[in-house]
Amino acid sequence: MSPAIVLLHGFWVTPRSWQHWISRYESQGHRVLAPAYPGFEVEVEALNSDPSPVEAVTIASILEHFESTIRSLDEPPILIGHSAGGAFTQILLGHGLGVAGVALNSAPTEGVPVVPLSQVRSTLPVLKNPANRHKAVRYDFEHWNYAFTNTLPEGEARELYERYAVPVSGKILFESALANLTPGHTGTWVNYHNDDRAPLLFVSGGEDHIMPPTVQRSNAKHYKSEKTLTEIVEFGGKPHLLPAAPGWEEIADYVLAWALRHARA
């Protein structure tokens, strides 16, 4: 029997962003979990109406919840994370959880210094105002489209915006942006020399603005162990929202096949 699959969502979205992958994997006989961040168990519309759970969430509380979910399973699962969920996948693998991990358009973990101009533009609506550090910030369509769905026709992009977009935590975004300038380890630290970490695949969308291929390549190169597998693959012409943008089927099938092929016994 194949391991369960745990799908970890990123910021600006909820587990709803995985709805297509859940259906596809379950139809193939896999057990699939898509845990929400604490307080994100409600629908997208509810978070947009009352973003207080977004304001309250922390990296520590997210990781604690995910660890508890994974440890409750009978067997270690495959971890697949998108954006911030990709960073969380790396951290959880580093904690010894999971038989294989996939990081889609991953946010960088601590120590990855690459900050492309497109990433600066994507996060500017939050980081331009220090007061946002204590707020949940909702993007308008124009800014969300630039960051998440820039390769799509406007009509399709608007549909995805209405269906998936939620506010982002200014507190967490500032913490992530300043991780490399903060003394000591932050919540996104991983041990890049960990020989016991399960195999890890980075997946990059070639046209991603907020976490472009340069970020993925830099993050992957930080892993120094020769005793475990770290690979990277790029899907050309794809935006940031890999779980829901057109062509998601090819990516979902590719990463699951990779994870099953390389999963540790």
Protein backbone atom coordinates (compact mmCIF):
# COMPACT_ATOMS: atom_id res chain seq x y z
CA MET A 1 0.00 0.00 0.00
CA SER A 2 1.38 3.42 -0.95
CA PRO A 3 1.94 6.08 1.71
CA ALA A 4 -0.64 8.76 2.44
CA ILE A 5 -0.19 12.14 0.78
CA VAL A 6 -0.23 15.35 2.81
CA LEU A 7 -0.73 18.58 0.82
CA LEU A 8 0.48 21.78 2.49
CA HIS A 9 -0.93 25.05 1.18
CA GLY A 10 0.83 28.40 1.02
CA PHE A 11 0.00 31.96 2.02
CA TRP A 12 -2.69 33.96 0.19
CA VAL A 13 -4.70 30.71 -0.25
CA THR A 14 -6.28 27.88 1.78
CA PRO A 15 -6.50 24.08 1.35
CA ARG A 16 -9.17 24.79 -1.28
CA SER A 17 -6.28 25.47 -3.67
CA TRP A 18 -5.57 21.71 -3.63
CA GLN A 19 -9.09 20.64 -4.57
CA HIS A 20 -8.13 19.27 -8.01
CA TRP A 21 -5.13 17.35 -6.68
CA ILE A 22 -7.18 15.83 -3.86
CA SER A 23 -9.78 14.52 -6.30
CA ARG A 24 -7.16 13.22 -8.73
CA TYR A 25 -5.09 11.41 -6.10
CA GLU A 26 -8.12 9.98 -4.31
CA SER A 27 -9.50 8.67 -7.61
CA GLN A 28 -6.22 6.73 -7.93
CA GLY A 29 -6.74 5.10 -4.54
CA HIS A 30 -4.49 7.31 -2.40
CA ARG A 31 -5.34 8.63 1.03
CA VAL A 32 -5.00 12.43 0.89
CA LEU A 33 -4.95 15.03 3.65
CA ALA A 34 -4.83 18.80 3.14
CA PRO A 35 -4.61 20.34 6.61
CA ALA A 36 -5.32 24.04 7.04
CA TYR A 37 -3.32 26.51 9.06
CA PRO A 38 -4.85 27.03 12.53
CA GLY A 39 -7.96 29.15 12.04
CA PHE A 40 -8.01 28.58 8.26
CA GLU A 41 -10.45 25.67 8.49
CA VAL A 42 -13.26 27.98 7.32
CA GLU A 43 -14.12 28.77 3.72
CA VAL A 44 -12.28 31.35 1.64
CA GLU A 45 -15.26 33.66 1.76
CA ALA A 46 -15.29 33.58 5.57
CA LEU A 47 -11.60 34.49 5.81
CA ASN A 48 -12.12 37.40 3.44
CA SER A 49 -15.05 38.57 5.55
CA ASP A 50 -13.21 38.13 8.87
CA PRO A 51 -9.40 37.94 8.46
CA SER A 52 -8.67 37.77 12.20
CA PRO A 53 -7.39 34.14 11.91
CA VAL A 54 -4.85 35.38 9.34
CA GLU A 55 -3.68 38.06 11.76
CA ALA A 56 -3.33 35.52 14.58
CA VAL A 57 -1.47 32.71 12.80
CA THR A 58 2.28 32.19 13.30
CA ILE A 59 4.92 30.01 11.67
CA ALA A 60 5.35 28.14 14.94
CA SER A 61 1.62 27.37 15.24
CA ILE A 62 1.46 26.22 11.61
CA LEU A 63 4.40 23.85 12.01
CA GLU A 64 3.08 22.51 15.32
CA HIS A 65 -0.28 21.75 13.73
CA PHE A 66 1.25 20.11 10.67
CA GLU A 67 3.61 18.00 12.80
CA SER A 68 0.72 16.83 14.96
CA THR A 69 -1.30 15.88 11.86
CA ILE A 70 1.59 13.94 10.32
CA ARG A 71 2.54 12.13 13.53
CA SER A 72 -1.07 10.99 13.96
CA LEU A 73 -0.81 8.89 10.80
CA ASP A 74 -0.03 5.18 10.95
CA GLU A 75 2.84 5.53 8.47
CA PRO A 76 5.03 8.46 7.36
CA PRO A 77 3.44 10.19 4.34
CA ILE A 78 4.59 11.91 1.18
CA LEU A 79 4.67 15.68 1.75
CA ILE A 80 3.80 18.06 -1.09
CA GLY A 81 3.85 21.78 -0.34
CA HIS A 82 3.22 24.88 -2.41
CA SER A 83 4.87 28.28 -1.86
CA ALA A 84 5.13 28.73 1.93
CA GLY A 85 3.95 25.12 2.10
CA GLY A 86 7.12 24.24 0.19
CA ALA A 87 9.22 25.84 2.91
CA PHE A 88 7.17 23.99 5.54
CA THR A 89 7.77 20.75 3.61
CA GLN A 90 11.51 21.32 3.83
CA ILE A 91 11.33 22.04 7.56
CA LEU A 92 9.18 18.99 8.30
CA LEU A 93 11.48 16.73 6.28
CA GLY A 94 14.32 18.13 8.33
CA HIS A 95 12.45 17.06 11.47
CA GLY A 96 12.42 13.49 10.20
CA LEU A 97 8.82 13.51 8.97
CA GLY A 98 7.82 12.10 5.59
CA VAL A 99 9.20 9.47 3.22
CA ALA A 100 9.64 11.99 0.39
CA GLY A 101 8.93 15.67 -0.13
CA VAL A 102 8.02 17.96 -3.02
CA ALA A 103 8.27 21.76 -2.84
CA LEU A 104 6.28 23.55 -5.56
CA ASN A 105 7.40 27.13 -6.28
CA SER A 106 8.72 27.07 -2.74
CA ALA A 107 9.26 30.05 -0.50
CA PRO A 108 12.92 30.12 0.55
CA THR A 109 14.11 28.75 3.86
CA GLU A 110 16.52 30.73 6.01
CA GLY A 111 19.85 31.46 4.35
CA VAL A 112 18.62 31.76 0.76
CA PRO A 113 19.57 35.34 -0.17
CA VAL A 114 18.17 35.57 -3.72
CA VAL A 115 15.57 38.37 -4.01
CA PRO A 116 14.59 38.91 -7.68
CA LEU A 117 12.92 42.17 -8.68
CA SER A 118 9.71 40.33 -9.58
CA GLN A 119 9.57 38.99 -6.01
CA VAL A 120 10.04 42.49 -4.61
CA ARG A 121 7.18 43.74 -6.78
CA SER A 122 5.00 40.79 -5.76
CA THR A 123 5.39 41.44 -2.03
CA LEU A 124 5.48 45.25 -2.16
CA PRO A 125 1.77 45.69 -1.30
CA VAL A 126 2.63 44.30 2.16
CA LEU A 127 6.25 45.25 2.77
CA LYS A 128 5.99 48.87 1.62
CA ASN A 129 4.14 49.81 4.81
CA PRO A 130 5.61 48.83 8.22
CA ALA A 131 2.11 49.12 9.72
CA ASN A 132 1.14 46.03 7.74
CA ARG A 133 3.32 43.99 10.09
CA HIS A 134 0.33 43.81 12.42
CA LYS A 135 -2.38 43.27 9.80
CA ALA A 136 -3.89 40.76 7.43
CA VAL A 137 -3.45 42.26 3.97
CA ARG A 138 -5.74 41.39 1.08
CA TYR A 139 -4.39 41.90 -2.43
CA ASP A 140 -6.52 43.47 -5.11
CA PHE A 141 -6.84 41.52 -8.33
CA GLU A 142 -4.10 43.40 -10.16
CA HIS A 143 -1.42 42.61 -7.58
CA TRP A 144 -2.58 39.03 -6.96
CA ASN A 145 -2.65 38.36 -10.69
CA TYR A 146 0.93 39.62 -11.10
CA ALA A 147 2.14 37.35 -8.30
CA PHE A 148 0.04 34.22 -8.91
CA THR A 149 -1.58 33.97 -12.35
CA ASN A 150 0.44 36.22 -14.68
CA THR A 151 0.42 33.72 -17.58
CA LEU A 152 -3.37 33.37 -17.73
CA PRO A 153 -6.01 35.33 -19.67
CA GLU A 154 -7.65 37.91 -17.42
CA GLY A 155 -10.98 36.11 -17.26
CA GLU A 156 -9.43 32.84 -16.05
CA ALA A 157 -7.20 34.71 -13.62
CA ARG A 158 -10.18 36.54 -12.12
CA GLU A 159 -12.02 33.26 -11.58
CA LEU A 160 -9.04 31.85 -9.67
CA TYR A 161 -8.73 35.07 -7.66
CA GLU A 162 -12.36 34.93 -6.59
CA ARG A 163 -12.18 31.24 -5.74
CA TYR A 164 -8.86 31.02 -3.89
CA ALA A 165 -7.45 34.37 -2.75
CA VAL A 166 -7.39 35.27 0.95
CA PRO A 167 -5.44 37.91 2.91
CA VAL A 168 -1.82 37.28 3.88
CA SER A 169 -0.25 37.74 7.31
CA GLY A 170 1.91 40.84 7.29
CA LYS A 171 3.64 39.59 10.42
CA ILE A 172 4.79 36.35 8.79
CA LEU A 173 5.76 38.04 5.51
CA PHE A 174 7.93 40.57 7.36
CA GLU A 175 9.46 37.76 9.42
CA SER A 176 10.30 35.80 6.27
CA ALA A 177 11.69 38.86 4.48
CA LEU A 178 13.98 39.66 7.43
CA ALA A 179 15.01 36.06 8.20
CA ASN A 180 18.52 36.48 6.81
CA LEU A 181 19.05 39.69 8.78
CA THR A 182 17.82 38.40 12.14
CA PRO A 183 20.46 37.07 14.57
CA GLY A 184 20.08 33.37 15.37
CA HIS A 185 17.74 30.92 13.72
CA THR A 186 14.22 31.91 12.72
CA GLY A 187 11.16 29.72 12.14
CA THR A 188 12.23 28.88 8.59
CA TRP A 189 15.66 27.46 9.47
CA VAL A 190 16.64 24.01 8.18
CA ASN A 191 19.82 21.97 8.46
CA TYR A 192 21.13 21.86 4.90
CA HIS A 193 23.68 19.17 5.86
CA ASN A 194 21.14 16.68 7.24
CA ASP A 195 22.13 13.24 5.91
CA ASP A 196 18.95 11.63 7.22
CA ARG A 197 16.48 13.87 5.38
CA ALA A 198 14.09 12.12 2.97
CA PRO A 199 14.43 12.80 -0.79
CA LEU A 200 13.31 16.27 -1.85
CA LEU A 201 12.18 17.61 -5.22
CA PHE A 202 11.93 21.32 -6.03
CA VAL A 203 9.41 22.19 -8.75
CA SER A 204 9.70 25.57 -10.43
CA GLY A 205 7.23 27.40 -12.65
CA GLY A 206 9.20 29.07 -15.41
CA GLU A 207 7.14 32.30 -15.32
CA ASP A 208 6.60 32.49 -11.56
CA HIS A 209 6.99 36.07 -10.35
CA ILE A 210 6.85 35.73 -6.58
CA MET A 211 9.08 32.61 -6.20
CA PRO A 212 10.85 32.45 -9.59
CA PRO A 213 13.26 29.74 -10.78
CA THR A 214 16.32 31.56 -9.41
CA VAL A 215 14.90 31.17 -5.89
CA GLN A 216 14.28 27.46 -6.40
CA ARG A 217 17.75 26.85 -7.80
CA SER A 218 19.40 28.73 -4.95
CA ASN A 219 17.34 26.92 -2.32
CA ALA A 220 18.19 23.51 -3.83
CA LYS A 221 21.92 24.32 -4.02
CA HIS A 222 22.01 25.03 -0.28
CA TYR A 223 21.50 21.33 0.46
CA LYS A 224 25.00 19.88 0.81
CA SER A 225 24.46 16.26 1.90
CA GLU A 226 25.61 13.64 -0.59
CA LYS A 227 23.75 10.90 1.28
CA THR A 228 20.25 12.01 0.36
CA LEU A 229 18.59 13.11 -2.87
CA THR A 230 17.80 16.71 -3.79
CA GLU A 231 16.54 17.41 -7.32
CA ILE A 232 14.93 20.29 -9.19
CA VAL A 233 12.66 20.39 -12.24
CA GLU A 234 11.21 23.36 -14.11
CA PHE A 235 7.90 23.51 -15.96
CA GLY A 236 8.21 26.23 -18.57
CA GLY A 237 5.51 28.86 -18.98
CA LYS A 238 3.87 28.15 -15.61
CA PRO A 239 2.90 30.81 -13.01
CA HIS A 240 3.06 30.63 -9.25
CA LEU A 241 -0.34 28.99 -8.66
CA LEU A 242 0.74 25.52 -9.78
CA PRO A 243 -1.96 23.61 -7.83
CA ALA A 244 -4.81 25.30 -9.72
CA ALA A 245 -3.49 26.92 -12.90
CA PRO A 246 -4.11 25.19 -16.27
CA GLY A 247 -1.80 22.23 -16.76
CA TRP A 248 -1.87 21.23 -13.10
CA GLU A 249 -2.61 17.61 -14.10
CA GLU A 250 0.83 17.08 -15.66
CA ILE A 251 2.54 18.49 -12.59
CA ALA A 252 0.42 16.49 -10.14
CA ASP A 253 1.18 13.24 -11.96
CA TYR A 254 4.89 14.01 -12.33
CA VAL A 255 5.53 14.85 -8.68
CA LEU A 256 3.58 11.89 -7.32
CA ALA A 257 5.43 9.49 -9.60
CA TRP A 258 8.73 11.02 -8.47
CA ALA A 259 7.79 10.78 -4.80
CA LEU A 260 6.64 7.16 -5.07
CA ARG A 261 9.78 6.25 -6.98
CA HIS A 262 12.14 7.79 -4.44
CA ALA A 263 10.20 7.33 -1.18
CA ARG A 264 12.19 5.84 1.62
CA ALA A 265 11.02 2.49 2.90
